[in-house]
């Protein structure tokens, strides 16, 4: 298991990634004010290697995109602070 670290706390705080099974995870991203996007690349977790990107789409609206090997596995828009469930 992970040891607690400042970077892990930042990832949990900004991206809000929490496992809900062997492959699915919840993501509750919090895009800081003034940022148009943020991403985590080459994450190894849940038995897979993938990337997560969060984009601002409109005031108070964001899009979460999960990719593996350059292919989108998940792309969904929602309110800023909304929870998304992705399955790898």
C-alpha atoms as a PDB file:
ATOM      1  CA  UNK A   1       0.000   0.000   0.000  1.00  0.00           C
ATOM      2  CA  UNK A   2       1.041   3.629  -0.367  1.00  0.00           C
ATOM      3  CA  UNK A   3       2.784   5.514   2.378  1.00  0.00           C
ATOM      4  CA  UNK A   4       1.214   8.910   2.984  1.00  0.00           C
ATOM      5  CA  UNK A   5       3.091  11.666   1.205  1.00  0.00           C
ATOM      6  CA  UNK A   6       2.571  15.287   0.328  1.00  0.00           C
ATOM      7  CA  UNK A   7       2.220  14.435  -3.390  1.00  0.00           C
ATOM      8  CA  UNK A   8      -0.369  11.731  -2.696  1.00  0.00           C
ATOM      9  CA  UNK A   9      -2.338  14.182  -0.559  1.00  0.00           C
ATOM     10  CA  UNK A  10      -2.211  16.710  -3.428  1.00  0.00           C
ATOM     11  CA  UNK A  11      -3.480  14.110  -5.885  1.00  0.00           C
ATOM     12  CA  UNK A  12      -6.293  13.121  -3.544  1.00  0.00           C
ATOM     13  CA  UNK A  13      -7.161  16.776  -2.935  1.00  0.00           C
ATOM     14  CA  UNK A  14      -7.053  18.010  -6.553  1.00  0.00           C
ATOM     15  CA  UNK A  15      -8.276  14.902  -8.343  1.00  0.00           C
ATOM     16  CA  UNK A  16     -10.226  13.165  -5.582  1.00  0.00           C
ATOM     17  CA  UNK A  17      -9.396   9.674  -6.888  1.00  0.00           C
ATOM     18  CA  UNK A  18     -10.689   6.856  -4.673  1.00  0.00           C
ATOM     19  CA  UNK A  19     -10.984   3.147  -5.542  1.00  0.00           C
ATOM     20  CA  UNK A  20     -14.437   1.557  -5.389  1.00  0.00           C
ATOM     21  CA  UNK A  21     -13.421  -1.908  -6.632  1.00  0.00           C
ATOM     22  CA  UNK A  22     -10.627  -3.649  -8.477  1.00  0.00           C
ATOM     23  CA  UNK A  23     -10.972  -1.517 -11.631  1.00  0.00           C
ATOM     24  CA  UNK A  24     -13.538   1.231 -11.030  1.00  0.00           C
ATOM     25  CA  UNK A  25     -12.712   4.434  -9.201  1.00  0.00           C
ATOM     26  CA  UNK A  26     -14.500   7.604  -8.224  1.00  0.00           C
ATOM     27  CA  UNK A  27     -12.952  10.903  -9.214  1.00  0.00           C
ATOM     28  CA  UNK A  28     -14.119  14.193  -7.712  1.00  0.00           C
ATOM     29  CA  UNK A  29     -11.767  16.723  -9.306  1.00  0.00           C
ATOM     30  CA  UNK A  30     -11.402  20.232  -7.961  1.00  0.00           C
ATOM     31  CA  UNK A  31      -9.971  22.398 -10.720  1.00  0.00           C
ATOM     32  CA  UNK A  32      -8.412  25.467  -9.067  1.00  0.00           C
ATOM     33  CA  UNK A  33      -9.832  28.854  -9.987  1.00  0.00           C
ATOM     34  CA  UNK A  34      -8.095  30.290 -13.051  1.00  0.00           C
ATOM     35  CA  UNK A  35      -6.863  26.910 -14.365  1.00  0.00           C
ATOM     36  CA  UNK A  36      -8.205  25.660 -17.731  1.00  0.00           C
ATOM     37  CA  UNK A  37      -6.914  22.104 -17.258  1.00  0.00           C
ATOM     38  CA  UNK A  38      -4.898  19.728 -15.143  1.00  0.00           C
ATOM     39  CA  UNK A  39      -3.705  16.192 -15.780  1.00  0.00           C
ATOM     40  CA  UNK A  40      -1.992  13.166 -14.297  1.00  0.00           C
ATOM     41  CA  UNK A  41      -0.084  11.110 -16.842  1.00  0.00           C
ATOM     42  CA  UNK A  42       1.034   7.477 -16.729  1.00  0.00           C
ATOM     43  CA  UNK A  43      -0.701   6.515 -13.495  1.00  0.00           C
ATOM     44  CA  UNK A  44      -0.179   2.886 -12.537  1.00  0.00           C
ATOM     45  CA  UNK A  45      -3.127   1.766 -10.406  1.00  0.00           C
ATOM     46  CA  UNK A  46      -6.113  -0.576 -10.467  1.00  0.00           C
ATOM     47  CA  UNK A  47      -4.097  -3.115 -12.498  1.00  0.00           C
ATOM     48  CA  UNK A  48      -3.704  -0.666 -15.374  1.00  0.00           C
ATOM     49  CA  UNK A  49      -1.680   2.276 -16.659  1.00  0.00           C
ATOM     50  CA  UNK A  50      -3.740   5.335 -17.609  1.00  0.00           C
ATOM     51  CA  UNK A  51      -3.948   9.132 -17.637  1.00  0.00           C
ATOM     52  CA  UNK A  52      -6.558  11.515 -16.233  1.00  0.00           C
ATOM     53  CA  UNK A  53      -7.301  14.994 -17.577  1.00  0.00           C
ATOM     54  CA  UNK A  54      -9.732  17.585 -16.249  1.00  0.00           C
ATOM     55  CA  UNK A  55     -10.744  20.493 -18.512  1.00  0.00           C
ATOM     56  CA  UNK A  56     -12.823  23.576 -17.786  1.00  0.00           C
ATOM     57  CA  UNK A  57     -15.707  23.713 -20.279  1.00  0.00           C
ATOM     58  CA  UNK A  58     -17.818  26.604 -18.994  1.00  0.00           C
ATOM     59  CA  UNK A  59     -18.203  28.472 -15.732  1.00  0.00           C
ATOM     60  CA  UNK A  60     -18.728  25.838 -13.049  1.00  0.00           C
ATOM     61  CA  UNK A  61     -18.567  22.976 -15.616  1.00  0.00           C
ATOM     62  CA  UNK A  62     -15.694  20.530 -16.169  1.00  0.00           C
ATOM     63  CA  UNK A  63     -14.928  17.474 -18.301  1.00  0.00           C
ATOM     64  CA  UNK A  64     -13.102  14.396 -16.976  1.00  0.00           C
ATOM     65  CA  UNK A  65     -11.226  12.327 -19.567  1.00  0.00           C
ATOM     66  CA  UNK A  66      -9.517   9.011 -18.770  1.00  0.00           C
ATOM     67  CA  UNK A  67      -7.231   7.561 -21.455  1.00  0.00           C
ATOM     68  CA  UNK A  68      -5.169   4.411 -21.860  1.00  0.00           C
ATOM     69  CA  UNK A  69      -2.758   3.868 -24.745  1.00  0.00           C
ATOM     70  CA  UNK A  70      -4.002   7.113 -26.348  1.00  0.00           C
ATOM     71  CA  UNK A  71      -7.646   5.963 -26.416  1.00  0.00           C
ATOM     72  CA  UNK A  72     -10.390   7.595 -24.377  1.00  0.00           C
ATOM     73  CA  UNK A  73     -11.959   5.119 -21.944  1.00  0.00           C
ATOM     74  CA  UNK A  74     -14.143   7.707 -20.250  1.00  0.00           C
ATOM     75  CA  UNK A  75     -15.199  11.251 -21.123  1.00  0.00           C
ATOM     76  CA  UNK A  76     -17.979  12.961 -19.239  1.00  0.00           C
ATOM     77  CA  UNK A  77     -18.905  16.555 -18.388  1.00  0.00           C
ATOM     78  CA  UNK A  78     -20.452  17.660 -15.132  1.00  0.00           C
ATOM     79  CA  UNK A  79     -20.644  20.398 -12.570  1.00  0.00           C
ATOM     80  CA  UNK A  80     -17.427  21.504 -10.921  1.00  0.00           C
ATOM     81  CA  UNK A  81     -17.017  19.377  -7.786  1.00  0.00           C
ATOM     82  CA  UNK A  82     -19.209  16.555  -9.141  1.00  0.00           C
ATOM     83  CA  UNK A  83     -18.182  12.932  -8.626  1.00  0.00           C
ATOM     84  CA  UNK A  84     -17.500  10.781 -11.698  1.00  0.00           C
ATOM     85  CA  UNK A  85     -17.163   6.982 -11.736  1.00  0.00           C
ATOM     86  CA  UNK A  86     -14.713   5.573 -14.267  1.00  0.00           C
ATOM     87  CA  UNK A  87     -14.071   1.894 -14.922  1.00  0.00           C
ATOM     88  CA  UNK A  88     -10.828   0.676 -16.398  1.00  0.00           C
END
